[in-house]
Amino acid sequence: MPQAQAVNPLVNLLPLILIFVIFYFLLIRPQKAKEKEHKKMLGSLNKNDEVVTSSGIHGTIINLKDNSVILRIDDNVKIELEKNSVAYKK
């Protein structure tokens, strides 16, 4: 009778390791780069910048605070939002 050969445990883990590497390069790494770019954009906000919030509100920054911005969205209409809610500058 032939004896069953012992399989190296590393061979059993190889598909799992390969899946993790693929997830890292396709999902995790690009997301971290995008977060870094967004943080840099938030740090460069100035008065009179036209921005769009994550909820789709278009406005002009009229005042900056530590963690929030005040936007003018129409004549005599101002709102205060968290800085993190600014999606991008126009």
C-alpha atoms as a PDB file:
ATOM      1  CA  MET A   1       0.000   0.000   0.000  1.00  0.00           C
ATOM      2  CA  PRO A   2       1.296   3.479  -0.816  1.00  0.00           C
ATOM      3  CA  GLN A   3       1.624   5.818   2.117  1.00  0.00           C
ATOM      4  CA  ALA A   4       0.083   9.298   2.027  1.00  0.00           C
ATOM      5  CA  GLN A   5       2.703  11.977   1.837  1.00  0.00           C
ATOM      6  CA  ALA A   6       2.676  14.711   4.466  1.00  0.00           C
ATOM      7  CA  VAL A   7       1.708  18.085   3.000  1.00  0.00           C
ATOM      8  CA  ASN A   8       3.715  21.087   4.058  1.00  0.00           C
ATOM      9  CA  PRO A   9       1.478  23.389   6.195  1.00  0.00           C
ATOM     10  CA  LEU A  10       2.805  26.394   4.261  1.00  0.00           C
ATOM     11  CA  VAL A  11       1.231  25.034   1.078  1.00  0.00           C
ATOM     12  CA  ASN A  12      -2.157  25.034   2.833  1.00  0.00           C
ATOM     13  CA  LEU A  13      -1.722  28.682   3.874  1.00  0.00           C
ATOM     14  CA  LEU A  14      -0.483  29.874   0.490  1.00  0.00           C
ATOM     15  CA  PRO A  15      -3.951  30.620  -1.000  1.00  0.00           C
ATOM     16  CA  LEU A  16      -4.922  32.588   2.102  1.00  0.00           C
ATOM     17  CA  ILE A  17      -1.710  34.611   1.968  1.00  0.00           C
ATOM     18  CA  LEU A  18      -2.222  35.240  -1.736  1.00  0.00           C
ATOM     19  CA  ILE A  19      -5.772  36.515  -1.133  1.00  0.00           C
ATOM     20  CA  PHE A  20      -4.516  38.902   1.571  1.00  0.00           C
ATOM     21  CA  VAL A  21      -1.800  40.270  -0.728  1.00  0.00           C
ATOM     22  CA  ILE A  22      -4.362  40.858  -3.499  1.00  0.00           C
ATOM     23  CA  PHE A  23      -6.723  42.641  -1.082  1.00  0.00           C
ATOM     24  CA  TYR A  24      -3.868  44.809   0.170  1.00  0.00           C
ATOM     25  CA  PHE A  25      -2.830  46.020  -3.281  1.00  0.00           C
ATOM     26  CA  LEU A  26      -6.336  46.360  -4.724  1.00  0.00           C
ATOM     27  CA  LEU A  27      -8.278  47.749  -1.746  1.00  0.00           C
ATOM     28  CA  ILE A  28      -6.298  48.772   1.325  1.00  0.00           C
ATOM     29  CA  ARG A  29      -3.365  50.601  -0.269  1.00  0.00           C
ATOM     30  CA  PRO A  30      -5.430  52.782  -2.662  1.00  0.00           C
ATOM     31  CA  GLN A  31      -7.850  53.670   0.152  1.00  0.00           C
ATOM     32  CA  LYS A  32      -4.999  54.837   2.397  1.00  0.00           C
ATOM     33  CA  ALA A  33      -3.588  56.956  -0.435  1.00  0.00           C
ATOM     34  CA  LYS A  34      -7.009  58.513  -1.000  1.00  0.00           C
ATOM     35  CA  GLU A  35      -7.373  59.284   2.729  1.00  0.00           C
ATOM     36  CA  LYS A  36      -3.934  60.909   2.773  1.00  0.00           C
ATOM     37  CA  GLU A  37      -4.829  63.066  -0.250  1.00  0.00           C
ATOM     38  CA  HIS A  38      -8.166  64.093   1.338  1.00  0.00           C
ATOM     39  CA  LYS A  39      -6.428  65.057   4.593  1.00  0.00           C
ATOM     40  CA  LYS A  40      -3.930  67.166   2.631  1.00  0.00           C
ATOM     41  CA  MET A  41      -6.796  68.897   0.793  1.00  0.00           C
ATOM     42  CA  LEU A  42      -8.560  69.650   4.098  1.00  0.00           C
ATOM     43  CA  GLY A  43      -5.376  71.220   5.437  1.00  0.00           C
ATOM     44  CA  SER A  44      -5.120  73.516   2.424  1.00  0.00           C
ATOM     45  CA  LEU A  45      -8.647  74.971   2.655  1.00  0.00           C
ATOM     46  CA  ASN A  46      -8.792  78.773   2.654  1.00  0.00           C
ATOM     47  CA  LYS A  47     -11.435  81.478   2.694  1.00  0.00           C
ATOM     48  CA  ASN A  48     -13.270  81.989  -0.607  1.00  0.00           C
ATOM     49  CA  ASP A  49     -12.540  78.425  -1.781  1.00  0.00           C
ATOM     50  CA  GLU A  50     -15.495  76.889  -3.579  1.00  0.00           C
ATOM     51  CA  VAL A  51     -16.147  73.410  -2.226  1.00  0.00           C
ATOM     52  CA  VAL A  52     -18.596  70.532  -2.495  1.00  0.00           C
ATOM     53  CA  THR A  53     -19.584  68.592   0.605  1.00  0.00           C
ATOM     54  CA  SER A  54     -20.043  64.844   0.807  1.00  0.00           C
ATOM     55  CA  SER A  55     -23.812  65.435   0.818  1.00  0.00           C
ATOM     56  CA  GLY A  56     -23.596  67.387  -2.458  1.00  0.00           C
ATOM     57  CA  ILE A  57     -23.949  70.937  -1.130  1.00  0.00           C
ATOM     58  CA  HIS A  58     -22.001  73.499  -3.162  1.00  0.00           C
ATOM     59  CA  GLY A  59     -20.762  76.564  -1.322  1.00  0.00           C
ATOM     60  CA  THR A  60     -18.011  79.065  -0.659  1.00  0.00           C
ATOM     61  CA  ILE A  61     -15.972  79.020   2.535  1.00  0.00           C
ATOM     62  CA  ILE A  62     -16.404  82.256   4.461  1.00  0.00           C
ATOM     63  CA  ASN A  63     -14.781  81.198   7.749  1.00  0.00           C
ATOM     64  CA  LEU A  64     -12.566  78.378   8.993  1.00  0.00           C
ATOM     65  CA  LYS A  65     -12.461  76.997  12.523  1.00  0.00           C
ATOM     66  CA  ASP A  66     -10.390  74.188  14.010  1.00  0.00           C
ATOM     67  CA  ASN A  67     -12.791  71.371  13.133  1.00  0.00           C
ATOM     68  CA  SER A  68     -15.479  73.111  11.094  1.00  0.00           C
ATOM     69  CA  VAL A  69     -16.072  75.443   8.171  1.00  0.00           C
ATOM     70  CA  ILE A  70     -18.795  77.987   7.556  1.00  0.00           C
ATOM     71  CA  LEU A  71     -20.136  77.902   4.011  1.00  0.00           C
ATOM     72  CA  ARG A  72     -22.187  80.459   2.157  1.00  0.00           C
ATOM     73  CA  ILE A  73     -24.548  78.458  -0.007  1.00  0.00           C
ATOM     74  CA  ASP A  74     -26.788  81.337  -1.144  1.00  0.00           C
ATOM     75  CA  ASP A  75     -27.299  85.022  -0.400  1.00  0.00           C
ATOM     76  CA  ASN A  76     -27.751  85.343   3.379  1.00  0.00           C
ATOM     77  CA  VAL A  77     -27.651  81.545   3.856  1.00  0.00           C
ATOM     78  CA  LYS A  78     -24.720  80.213   5.864  1.00  0.00           C
ATOM     79  CA  ILE A  79     -24.185  76.755   7.335  1.00  0.00           C
ATOM     80  CA  GLU A  80     -21.517  75.333   9.606  1.00  0.00           C
ATOM     81  CA  LEU A  81     -20.169  71.895   8.752  1.00  0.00           C
ATOM     82  CA  GLU A  82     -17.439  69.589   9.985  1.00  0.00           C
ATOM     83  CA  LYS A  83     -14.276  69.880   7.896  1.00  0.00           C
ATOM     84  CA  ASN A  84     -14.383  66.150   7.179  1.00  0.00           C
ATOM     85  CA  SER A  85     -17.646  66.595   5.300  1.00  0.00           C
ATOM     86  CA  VAL A  86     -15.906  68.643   2.567  1.00  0.00           C
ATOM     87  CA  ALA A  87     -15.469  66.208  -0.315  1.00  0.00           C
ATOM     88  CA  TYR A  88     -13.431  68.343  -2.720  1.00  0.00           C
ATOM     89  CA  LYS A  89     -12.563  71.829  -3.924  1.00  0.00           C
ATOM     90  CA  LYS A  90     -13.853  73.054  -7.263  1.00  0.00           C
END
